[in-house]
Amino acid sequence: MCLSKVFMGEKAEDKIIIEEALRVVENNGTVEVYSIFGEVSKEEDCYIKEVDLENNYILLSRKEG
């Protein structure tokens, strides 16, 4: 099983959302991040900017406007 860190910002060292994400779902401008421990983080007005499978991270970014 592959888990990833999920960050919010412009680079992968910015604010961490969830340390061990199991599932990430984008739904009409809201990104839902589910952790292996049952935590759920709902980030509104954002999008998935980058998925790096080699380094196991996902980068979210806020929508402008």
PDB file of N, CA and C in Angstrom:
ATOM      1  N   MET A   1       0.845  -1.166   0.000  1.00  0.00           N
ATOM      2  CA  MET A   1       0.000   0.000   0.000  1.00  0.00           C
ATOM      3  C   MET A   1       0.898   1.239   0.000  1.00  0.00           C
ATOM      4  N   CYS A   2       0.574   2.208  -0.841  1.00  0.00           N
ATOM      5  CA  CYS A   2       1.333   3.455  -0.927  1.00  0.00           C
ATOM      6  C   CYS A   2       0.550   4.573  -0.247  1.00  0.00           C
ATOM      7  N   LEU A   3       1.197   5.267   0.654  1.00  0.00           N
ATOM      8  CA  LEU A   3       0.606   6.426   1.311  1.00  0.00           C
ATOM      9  C   LEU A   3       1.403   7.655   0.901  1.00  0.00           C
ATOM     10  N   SER A   4       0.751   8.808   0.930  1.00  0.00           N
ATOM     11  CA  SER A   4       1.420  10.043   0.535  1.00  0.00           C
ATOM     12  C   SER A   4       1.170  11.139   1.548  1.00  0.00           C
ATOM     13  N   LYS A   5       2.108  12.080   1.612  1.00  0.00           N
ATOM     14  CA  LYS A   5       1.897  13.305   2.375  1.00  0.00           C
ATOM     15  C   LYS A   5       1.149  14.269   1.472  1.00  0.00           C
ATOM     16  N   VAL A   6       0.255  15.046   2.055  1.00  0.00           N
ATOM     17  CA  VAL A   6      -0.494  16.035   1.283  1.00  0.00           C
ATOM     18  C   VAL A   6      -0.164  17.414   1.841  1.00  0.00           C
ATOM     19  N   PHE A   7       0.288  18.302   0.941  1.00  0.00           N
ATOM     20  CA  PHE A   7       0.677  19.662   1.305  1.00  0.00           C
ATOM     21  C   PHE A   7      -0.239  20.669   0.616  1.00  0.00           C
ATOM     22  N   MET A   8      -0.351  21.859   1.212  1.00  0.00           N
ATOM     23  CA  MET A   8      -1.059  22.981   0.608  1.00  0.00           C
ATOM     24  C   MET A   8      -0.045  24.081   0.371  1.00  0.00           C
ATOM     25  N   GLY A   9       0.038  24.569  -0.860  1.00  0.00           N
ATOM     26  CA  GLY A   9       0.946  25.673  -1.142  1.00  0.00           C
ATOM     27  C   GLY A   9       1.559  25.575  -2.515  1.00  0.00           C
ATOM     28  N   GLU A  10       2.687  26.229  -2.676  1.00  0.00           N
ATOM     29  CA  GLU A  10       3.363  26.288  -3.962  1.00  0.00           C
ATOM     30  C   GLU A  10       4.485  25.264  -4.110  1.00  0.00           C
ATOM     31  N   LYS A  11       4.949  24.714  -2.993  1.00  0.00           N
ATOM     32  CA  LYS A  11       5.994  23.693  -3.056  1.00  0.00           C
ATOM     33  C   LYS A  11       5.741  22.664  -1.958  1.00  0.00           C
ATOM     34  N   ALA A  12       6.403  21.530  -2.063  1.00  0.00           N
ATOM     35  CA  ALA A  12       6.118  20.394  -1.181  1.00  0.00           C
ATOM     36  C   ALA A  12       6.610  20.580   0.253  1.00  0.00           C
ATOM     37  N   GLU A  13       7.202  21.707   0.575  1.00  0.00           N
ATOM     38  CA  GLU A  13       7.612  21.948   1.955  1.00  0.00           C
ATOM     39  C   GLU A  13       6.642  22.891   2.671  1.00  0.00           C
ATOM     40  N   ASP A  14       5.597  23.307   1.998  1.00  0.00           N
ATOM     41  CA  ASP A  14       4.634  24.223   2.598  1.00  0.00           C
ATOM     42  C   ASP A  14       3.760  23.487   3.612  1.00  0.00           C
ATOM     43  N   LYS A  15       2.652  24.076   3.996  1.00  0.00           N
ATOM     44  CA  LYS A  15       1.767  23.552   5.049  1.00  0.00           C
ATOM     45  C   LYS A  15       1.317  22.115   4.766  1.00  0.00           C
ATOM     46  N   ILE A  16       1.554  21.226   5.732  1.00  0.00           N
ATOM     47  CA  ILE A  16       1.133  19.835   5.579  1.00  0.00           C
ATOM     48  C   ILE A  16      -0.336  19.701   5.995  1.00  0.00           C
ATOM     49  N   ILE A  17      -1.109  19.017   5.178  1.00  0.00           N
ATOM     50  CA  ILE A  17      -2.532  18.790   5.453  1.00  0.00           C
ATOM     51  C   ILE A  17      -2.706  17.451   6.179  1.00  0.00           C
ATOM     52  N   ILE A  18      -2.189  16.397   5.597  1.00  0.00           N
ATOM     53  CA  ILE A  18      -2.258  15.067   6.207  1.00  0.00           C
ATOM     54  C   ILE A  18      -0.947  14.343   5.925  1.00  0.00           C
ATOM     55  N   GLU A  19      -0.437  13.701   6.945  1.00  0.00           N
ATOM     56  CA  GLU A  19       0.858  13.018   6.885  1.00  0.00           C
ATOM     57  C   GLU A  19       0.793  11.710   6.084  1.00  0.00           C
ATOM     58  N   GLU A  20      -0.233  10.903   6.293  1.00  0.00           N
ATOM     59  CA  GLU A  20      -0.330   9.597   5.631  1.00  0.00           C
ATOM     60  C   GLU A  20      -1.696   9.458   4.958  1.00  0.00           C
ATOM     61  N   ALA A  21      -1.809  10.055   3.768  1.00  0.00           N
ATOM     62  CA  ALA A  21      -3.077  10.044   3.027  1.00  0.00           C
ATOM     63  C   ALA A  21      -3.261   8.720   2.300  1.00  0.00           C
ATOM     64  N   LEU A  22      -4.444   8.192   2.420  1.00  0.00           N
ATOM     65  CA  LEU A  22      -4.809   6.943   1.773  1.00  0.00           C
ATOM     66  C   LEU A  22      -5.614   7.206   0.504  1.00  0.00           C
ATOM     67  N   ARG A  23      -6.373   8.315   0.513  1.00  0.00           N
ATOM     68  CA  ARG A  23      -7.281   8.621  -0.601  1.00  0.00           C
ATOM     69  C   ARG A  23      -7.436  10.126  -0.723  1.00  0.00           C
ATOM     70  N   VAL A  24      -7.466  10.627  -1.962  1.00  0.00           N
ATOM     71  CA  VAL A  24      -7.686  12.050  -2.238  1.00  0.00           C
ATOM     72  C   VAL A  24      -8.735  12.146  -3.329  1.00  0.00           C
ATOM     73  N   VAL A  25      -9.791  12.948  -3.075  1.00  0.00           N
ATOM     74  CA  VAL A  25     -10.898  13.078  -4.018  1.00  0.00           C
ATOM     75  C   VAL A  25     -11.168  14.553  -4.273  1.00  0.00           C
ATOM     76  N   GLU A  26     -11.219  14.963  -5.556  1.00  0.00           N
ATOM     77  CA  GLU A  26     -11.586  16.335  -5.917  1.00  0.00           C
ATOM     78  C   GLU A  26     -13.050  16.340  -6.327  1.00  0.00           C
ATOM     79  N   ASN A  27     -13.832  17.263  -5.741  1.00  0.00           N
ATOM     80  CA  ASN A  27     -15.259  17.311  -5.988  1.00  0.00           C
ATOM     81  C   ASN A  27     -15.718  18.766  -6.050  1.00  0.00           C
ATOM     82  N   ASN A  28     -15.861  19.298  -7.260  1.00  0.00           N
ATOM     83  CA  ASN A  28     -16.375  20.661  -7.464  1.00  0.00           C
ATOM     84  C   ASN A  28     -15.620  21.723  -6.667  1.00  0.00           C
ATOM     85  N   GLY A  29     -14.300  21.690  -6.707  1.00  0.00           N
ATOM     86  CA  GLY A  29     -13.501  22.711  -6.045  1.00  0.00           C
ATOM     87  C   GLY A  29     -13.164  22.404  -4.598  1.00  0.00           C
ATOM     88  N   THR A  30     -13.642  21.302  -4.081  1.00  0.00           N
ATOM     89  CA  THR A  30     -13.276  20.865  -2.730  1.00  0.00           C
ATOM     90  C   THR A  30     -12.453  19.590  -2.865  1.00  0.00           C
ATOM     91  N   VAL A  31     -11.306  19.571  -2.199  1.00  0.00           N
ATOM     92  CA  VAL A  31     -10.461  18.373  -2.205  1.00  0.00           C
ATOM     93  C   VAL A  31     -10.604  17.716  -0.837  1.00  0.00           C
ATOM     94  N   GLU A  32     -11.028  16.471  -0.838  1.00  0.00           N
ATOM     95  CA  GLU A  32     -11.186  15.700   0.395  1.00  0.00           C
ATOM     96  C   GLU A  32      -9.995  14.753   0.514  1.00  0.00           C
ATOM     97  N   VAL A  33      -9.322  14.809   1.663  1.00  0.00           N
ATOM     98  CA  VAL A  33      -8.144  13.987   1.908  1.00  0.00           C
ATOM     99  C   VAL A  33      -8.460  13.058   3.084  1.00  0.00           C
ATOM    100  N   TYR A  34      -8.302  11.768   2.855  1.00  0.00           N
ATOM    101  CA  TYR A  34      -8.593  10.755   3.868  1.00  0.00           C
ATOM    102  C   TYR A  34      -7.296  10.112   4.321  1.00  0.00           C
ATOM    103  N   SER A  35      -7.085  10.040   5.636  1.00  0.00           N
ATOM    104  CA  SER A  35      -5.865   9.430   6.153  1.00  0.00           C
ATOM    105  C   SER A  35      -6.088   7.964   6.489  1.00  0.00           C
ATOM    106  N   ILE A  36      -5.006   7.272   6.685  1.00  0.00           N
ATOM    107  CA  ILE A  36      -5.054   5.864   7.065  1.00  0.00           C
ATOM    108  C   ILE A  36      -5.694   5.692   8.456  1.00  0.00           C
ATOM    109  N   PHE A  37      -5.705   6.753   9.254  1.00  0.00           N
ATOM    110  CA  PHE A  37      -6.235   6.710  10.610  1.00  0.00           C
ATOM    111  C   PHE A  37      -7.694   7.159  10.697  1.00  0.00           C
ATOM    112  N   GLY A  38      -8.336   7.405   9.544  1.00  0.00           N
ATOM    113  CA  GLY A  38      -9.737   7.805   9.531  1.00  0.00           C
ATOM    114  C   GLY A  38      -9.973   9.301   9.581  1.00  0.00           C
ATOM    115  N   GLU A  39      -8.908  10.100   9.611  1.00  0.00           N
ATOM    116  CA  GLU A  39      -9.055  11.552   9.571  1.00  0.00           C
ATOM    117  C   GLU A  39      -9.536  11.966   8.179  1.00  0.00           C
ATOM    118  N   VAL A  40     -10.337  13.031   8.132  1.00  0.00           N
ATOM    119  CA  VAL A  40     -10.773  13.588   6.856  1.00  0.00           C
ATOM    120  C   VAL A  40     -10.524  15.092   6.905  1.00  0.00           C
ATOM    121  N   SER A  41      -9.848  15.601   5.885  1.00  0.00           N
ATOM    122  CA  SER A  41      -9.628  17.034   5.749  1.00  0.00           C
ATOM    123  C   SER A  41     -10.297  17.475   4.456  1.00  0.00           C
ATOM    124  N   LYS A  42     -11.198  18.458   4.558  1.00  0.00           N
ATOM    125  CA  LYS A  42     -11.876  19.000   3.376  1.00  0.00           C
ATOM    126  C   LYS A  42     -11.337  20.398   3.123  1.00  0.00           C
ATOM    127  N   GLU A  43     -10.652  20.548   2.005  1.00  0.00           N
ATOM    128  CA  GLU A  43     -10.043  21.820   1.620  1.00  0.00           C
ATOM    129  C   GLU A  43     -10.874  22.444   0.499  1.00  0.00           C
ATOM    130  N   GLU A  44     -11.532  23.570   0.790  1.00  0.00           N
ATOM    131  CA  GLU A  44     -12.403  24.217  -0.183  1.00  0.00           C
ATOM    132  C   GLU A  44     -11.624  25.190  -1.061  1.00  0.00           C
ATOM    133  N   ASP A  45     -12.159  25.424  -2.253  1.00  0.00           N
ATOM    134  CA  ASP A  45     -11.583  26.364  -3.227  1.00  0.00           C
ATOM    135  C   ASP A  45     -10.123  26.053  -3.533  1.00  0.00           C
ATOM    136  N   CYS A  46      -9.837  24.785  -3.784  1.00  0.00           N
ATOM    137  CA  CYS A  46      -8.476  24.409  -4.153  1.00  0.00           C
ATOM    138  C   CYS A  46      -8.511  23.303  -5.206  1.00  0.00           C
ATOM    139  N   TYR A  47      -7.337  22.974  -5.707  1.00  0.00           N
ATOM    140  CA  TYR A  47      -7.220  21.943  -6.732  1.00  0.00           C
ATOM    141  C   TYR A  47      -5.927  21.159  -6.501  1.00  0.00           C
ATOM    142  N   ILE A  48      -5.828  20.009  -7.138  1.00  0.00           N
ATOM    143  CA  ILE A  48      -4.627  19.197  -7.047  1.00  0.00           C
ATOM    144  C   ILE A  48      -3.632  19.753  -8.061  1.00  0.00           C
ATOM    145  N   LYS A  49      -2.545  20.309  -7.556  1.00  0.00           N
ATOM    146  CA  LYS A  49      -1.551  20.939  -8.416  1.00  0.00           C
ATOM    147  C   LYS A  49      -0.526  19.932  -8.925  1.00  0.00           C
ATOM    148  N   GLU A  50      -0.119  18.993  -8.067  1.00  0.00           N
ATOM    149  CA  GLU A  50       0.925  18.051  -8.449  1.00  0.00           C
ATOM    150  C   GLU A  50       0.778  16.759  -7.660  1.00  0.00           C
ATOM    151  N   VAL A  51       1.029  15.643  -8.326  1.00  0.00           N
ATOM    152  CA  VAL A  51       1.107  14.337  -7.686  1.00  0.00           C
ATOM    153  C   VAL A  51       2.473  13.761  -8.019  1.00  0.00           C
ATOM    154  N   ASP A  52       3.285  13.532  -6.994  1.00  0.00           N
ATOM    155  CA  ASP A  52       4.626  12.992  -7.191  1.00  0.00           C
ATOM    156  C   ASP A  52       4.663  11.594  -6.577  1.00  0.00           C
ATOM    157  N   LEU A  53       4.551  10.579  -7.418  1.00  0.00           N
ATOM    158  CA  LEU A  53       4.509   9.206  -6.940  1.00  0.00           C
ATOM    159  C   LEU A  53       5.879   8.701  -6.504  1.00  0.00           C
ATOM    160  N   GLU A  54       6.919   9.226  -7.103  1.00  0.00           N
ATOM    161  CA  GLU A  54       8.270   8.813  -6.725  1.00  0.00           C
ATOM    162  C   GLU A  54       8.609   9.251  -5.298  1.00  0.00           C
ATOM    163  N   ASN A  55       8.216  10.476  -4.953  1.00  0.00           N
ATOM    164  CA  ASN A  55       8.523  11.024  -3.631  1.00  0.00           C
ATOM    165  C   ASN A  55       7.334  10.971  -2.667  1.00  0.00           C
ATOM    166  N   ASN A  56       6.243  10.368  -3.091  1.00  0.00           N
ATOM    167  CA  ASN A  56       5.056  10.131  -2.251  1.00  0.00           C
ATOM    168  C   ASN A  56       4.459  11.397  -1.638  1.00  0.00           C
ATOM    169  N   TYR A  57       4.193  12.386  -2.493  1.00  0.00           N
ATOM    170  CA  TYR A  57       3.470  13.554  -1.995  1.00  0.00           C
ATOM    171  C   TYR A  57       2.488  14.067  -3.035  1.00  0.00           C
ATOM    172  N   ILE A  58       1.496  14.797  -2.507  1.00  0.00           N
ATOM    173  CA  ILE A  58       0.470  15.441  -3.337  1.00  0.00           C
ATOM    174  C   ILE A  58       0.444  16.900  -2.906  1.00  0.00           C
ATOM    175  N   LEU A  59       0.451  17.787  -3.875  1.00  0.00           N
ATOM    176  CA  LEU A  59       0.472  19.212  -3.605  1.00  0.00           C
ATOM    177  C   LEU A  59      -0.847  19.832  -4.037  1.00  0.00           C
ATOM    178  N   LEU A  60      -1.524  20.488  -3.105  1.00  0.00           N
ATOM    179  CA  LEU A  60      -2.764  21.214  -3.385  1.00  0.00           C
ATOM    180  C   LEU A  60      -2.453  22.705  -3.467  1.00  0.00           C
ATOM    181  N   SER A  61      -3.278  23.429  -4.203  1.00  0.00           N
ATOM    182  CA  SER A  61      -3.105  24.864  -4.319  1.00  0.00           C
ATOM    183  C   SER A  61      -4.478  25.536  -4.277  1.00  0.00           C
ATOM    184  N   ARG A  62      -4.540  26.723  -3.723  1.00  0.00           N
ATOM    185  CA  ARG A  62      -5.793  27.488  -3.653  1.00  0.00           C
ATOM    186  C   ARG A  62      -6.141  28.080  -5.006  1.00  0.00           C
ATOM    187  N   LYS A  63      -7.436  28.088  -5.335  1.00  0.00           N
ATOM    188  CA  LYS A  63      -7.901  28.760  -6.549  1.00  0.00           C
ATOM    189  C   LYS A  63      -7.899  30.248  -6.318  1.00  0.00           C
ATOM    190  N   GLU A  64      -7.498  30.985  -7.313  1.00  0.00           N
ATOM    191  CA  GLU A  64      -7.499  32.443  -7.199  1.00  0.00           C
ATOM    192  C   GLU A  64      -8.832  32.988  -7.687  1.00  0.00           C
ATOM    193  N   GLY A  65      -9.248  34.054  -7.049  1.00  0.00           N
ATOM    194  CA  GLY A  65     -10.457  34.703  -7.524  1.00  0.00           C
ATOM    195  C   GLY A  65     -11.517  34.668  -6.592  1.00  0.00           C
TER     196      GLY A  65
END
